[in-house]
Amino acid sequence: MVGPVAKREAVAHLRAAMGLSERRACSIVSADRKMFRYRSRRPPDRELRSQLRDLANARRRFGYRRLFILLRQDGEPSGINRIYRLYREEGLTVRK
């Protein structure tokens, strides 16, 4: 299964290299045209990721739930599911 990012890149390549229309390129790649045009409105998580990494390195024995509480006390309005997603994506684990 190919993800949306790869499909977007494939459609862009077909359009640029072969001069195909958006509709034709999307049908070749089996991508919905809405997916090709979609742009996320969610702000990037760079600052939150670095803050989470710093806290995880400082508090090695804290899991994502306790880090969530620390972030909440610092005024970060993110939810627990977002913190958990970033925690997994960063490859953070509870260390000894």
C-alpha atoms as a PDB file:
ATOM      1  CA  MET A   1       0.000   0.000   0.000  1.00  0.00           C
ATOM      2  CA  VAL A   2       1.389   3.336  -1.037  1.00  0.00           C
ATOM      3  CA  GLY A   3       0.666   6.379   1.106  1.00  0.00           C
ATOM      4  CA  PRO A   4      -0.803   9.709   0.034  1.00  0.00           C
ATOM      5  CA  VAL A   5       2.572  11.461   0.075  1.00  0.00           C
ATOM      6  CA  ALA A   6       4.046   9.016  -2.439  1.00  0.00           C
ATOM      7  CA  LYS A   7       0.965   9.284  -4.642  1.00  0.00           C
ATOM      8  CA  ARG A   8       1.159  13.095  -4.585  1.00  0.00           C
ATOM      9  CA  GLU A   9       4.819  12.920  -5.640  1.00  0.00           C
ATOM     10  CA  ALA A  10       3.998  10.447  -8.421  1.00  0.00           C
ATOM     11  CA  VAL A  11       1.220  12.670  -9.766  1.00  0.00           C
ATOM     12  CA  ALA A  12       3.494  15.718  -9.652  1.00  0.00           C
ATOM     13  CA  HIS A  13       6.201  13.780 -11.508  1.00  0.00           C
ATOM     14  CA  LEU A  14       3.781  12.598 -14.198  1.00  0.00           C
ATOM     15  CA  ARG A  15       2.511  16.128 -14.689  1.00  0.00           C
ATOM     16  CA  ALA A  16       5.988  17.675 -14.890  1.00  0.00           C
ATOM     17  CA  ALA A  17       7.857  14.995 -16.842  1.00  0.00           C
ATOM     18  CA  MET A  18       5.182  13.796 -19.238  1.00  0.00           C
ATOM     19  CA  GLY A  19       2.946  16.839 -19.441  1.00  0.00           C
ATOM     20  CA  LEU A  20      -0.185  14.942 -18.411  1.00  0.00           C
ATOM     21  CA  SER A  21      -3.248  16.641 -17.029  1.00  0.00           C
ATOM     22  CA  GLU A  22      -4.019  16.411 -13.335  1.00  0.00           C
ATOM     23  CA  ARG A  23      -7.064  14.251 -14.009  1.00  0.00           C
ATOM     24  CA  ARG A  24      -5.137  11.781 -16.199  1.00  0.00           C
ATOM     25  CA  ALA A  25      -2.158  11.563 -13.815  1.00  0.00           C
ATOM     26  CA  CYS A  26      -4.448  10.913 -10.837  1.00  0.00           C
ATOM     27  CA  SER A  27      -6.294   8.160 -12.683  1.00  0.00           C
ATOM     28  CA  ILE A  28      -3.011   6.445 -13.637  1.00  0.00           C
ATOM     29  CA  VAL A  29      -1.786   6.499 -10.024  1.00  0.00           C
ATOM     30  CA  SER A  30      -5.250   5.583  -8.673  1.00  0.00           C
ATOM     31  CA  ALA A  31      -5.340   8.707  -6.559  1.00  0.00           C
ATOM     32  CA  ASP A  32      -8.324  10.879  -5.828  1.00  0.00           C
ATOM     33  CA  ARG A  33      -7.954  14.423  -7.148  1.00  0.00           C
ATOM     34  CA  LYS A  34      -8.992  15.815  -3.779  1.00  0.00           C
ATOM     35  CA  MET A  35      -6.077  13.998  -2.188  1.00  0.00           C
ATOM     36  CA  PHE A  36      -3.715  15.608  -4.686  1.00  0.00           C
ATOM     37  CA  ARG A  37      -5.011  19.098  -3.962  1.00  0.00           C
ATOM     38  CA  TYR A  38      -5.286  18.682  -0.168  1.00  0.00           C
ATOM     39  CA  ARG A  39      -3.024  20.875   1.970  1.00  0.00           C
ATOM     40  CA  SER A  40      -2.954  20.310   5.706  1.00  0.00           C
ATOM     41  CA  ARG A  41      -3.963  23.277   7.853  1.00  0.00           C
ATOM     42  CA  ARG A  42      -2.408  21.840  10.992  1.00  0.00           C
ATOM     43  CA  PRO A  43       0.671  23.798  12.061  1.00  0.00           C
ATOM     44  CA  PRO A  44       3.958  21.867  12.068  1.00  0.00           C
ATOM     45  CA  ASP A  45       4.930  20.119  15.290  1.00  0.00           C
ATOM     46  CA  ARG A  46       8.631  21.066  15.222  1.00  0.00           C
ATOM     47  CA  GLU A  47       8.620  23.128  18.398  1.00  0.00           C
ATOM     48  CA  LEU A  48       6.467  20.643  20.306  1.00  0.00           C
ATOM     49  CA  ARG A  49       8.648  17.743  19.126  1.00  0.00           C
ATOM     50  CA  SER A  50      11.818  19.420  20.361  1.00  0.00           C
ATOM     51  CA  GLN A  51      10.165  20.313  23.656  1.00  0.00           C
ATOM     52  CA  LEU A  52       8.987  16.707  24.072  1.00  0.00           C
ATOM     53  CA  ARG A  53      12.460  15.345  23.207  1.00  0.00           C
ATOM     54  CA  ASP A  54      14.129  17.691  25.705  1.00  0.00           C
ATOM     55  CA  LEU A  55      11.724  16.703  28.471  1.00  0.00           C
ATOM     56  CA  ALA A  56      12.135  12.993  27.678  1.00  0.00           C
ATOM     57  CA  ASN A  57      15.921  13.314  27.840  1.00  0.00           C
ATOM     58  CA  ALA A  58      15.766  15.236  31.111  1.00  0.00           C
ATOM     59  CA  ARG A  59      13.202  12.886  32.670  1.00  0.00           C
ATOM     60  CA  ARG A  60      14.294   9.472  31.407  1.00  0.00           C
ATOM     61  CA  ARG A  61      11.843   7.515  33.569  1.00  0.00           C
ATOM     62  CA  PHE A  62       8.778   9.485  32.483  1.00  0.00           C
ATOM     63  CA  GLY A  63       6.451   8.012  29.895  1.00  0.00           C
ATOM     64  CA  TYR A  64       4.246   9.962  27.540  1.00  0.00           C
ATOM     65  CA  ARG A  65       1.501  10.429  30.150  1.00  0.00           C
ATOM     66  CA  ARG A  66       3.740  12.121  32.686  1.00  0.00           C
ATOM     67  CA  LEU A  67       5.405  14.159  29.945  1.00  0.00           C
ATOM     68  CA  PHE A  68       1.921  15.222  28.855  1.00  0.00           C
ATOM     69  CA  ILE A  69       1.248  16.480  32.397  1.00  0.00           C
ATOM     70  CA  LEU A  70       4.537  18.428  32.412  1.00  0.00           C
ATOM     71  CA  LEU A  71       3.740  19.968  29.035  1.00  0.00           C
ATOM     72  CA  ARG A  72       0.252  20.862  30.218  1.00  0.00           C
ATOM     73  CA  GLN A  73       1.748  22.599  33.280  1.00  0.00           C
ATOM     74  CA  ASP A  74       4.046  24.569  30.956  1.00  0.00           C
ATOM     75  CA  GLY A  75       0.977  25.826  29.100  1.00  0.00           C
ATOM     76  CA  GLU A  76       0.980  23.517  26.052  1.00  0.00           C
ATOM     77  CA  PRO A  77      -2.662  23.062  24.950  1.00  0.00           C
ATOM     78  CA  SER A  78      -2.076  19.773  23.061  1.00  0.00           C
ATOM     79  CA  GLY A  79      -4.114  16.682  23.834  1.00  0.00           C
ATOM     80  CA  ILE A  80      -2.846  13.347  25.113  1.00  0.00           C
ATOM     81  CA  ASN A  81      -3.378  11.585  21.770  1.00  0.00           C
ATOM     82  CA  ARG A  82      -1.231  14.119  19.937  1.00  0.00           C
ATOM     83  CA  ILE A  83       1.521  13.796  22.540  1.00  0.00           C
ATOM     84  CA  TYR A  84       1.343   9.998  22.252  1.00  0.00           C
ATOM     85  CA  ARG A  85       1.575  10.186  18.444  1.00  0.00           C
ATOM     86  CA  LEU A  86       4.631  12.439  18.601  1.00  0.00           C
ATOM     87  CA  TYR A  87       6.172  10.279  21.339  1.00  0.00           C
ATOM     88  CA  ARG A  88       5.907   7.206  19.095  1.00  0.00           C
ATOM     89  CA  GLU A  89       7.072   9.019  15.947  1.00  0.00           C
ATOM     90  CA  GLU A  90      10.157  10.305  17.762  1.00  0.00           C
ATOM     91  CA  GLY A  91      10.952   6.782  18.942  1.00  0.00           C
ATOM     92  CA  LEU A  92      11.005   7.791  22.594  1.00  0.00           C
ATOM     93  CA  THR A  93      10.782   5.130  25.263  1.00  0.00           C
ATOM     94  CA  VAL A  94      11.080   4.941  29.034  1.00  0.00           C
ATOM     95  CA  ARG A  95      14.750   4.333  29.781  1.00  0.00           C
ATOM     96  CA  LYS A  96      16.568   3.190  32.871  1.00  0.00           C
END
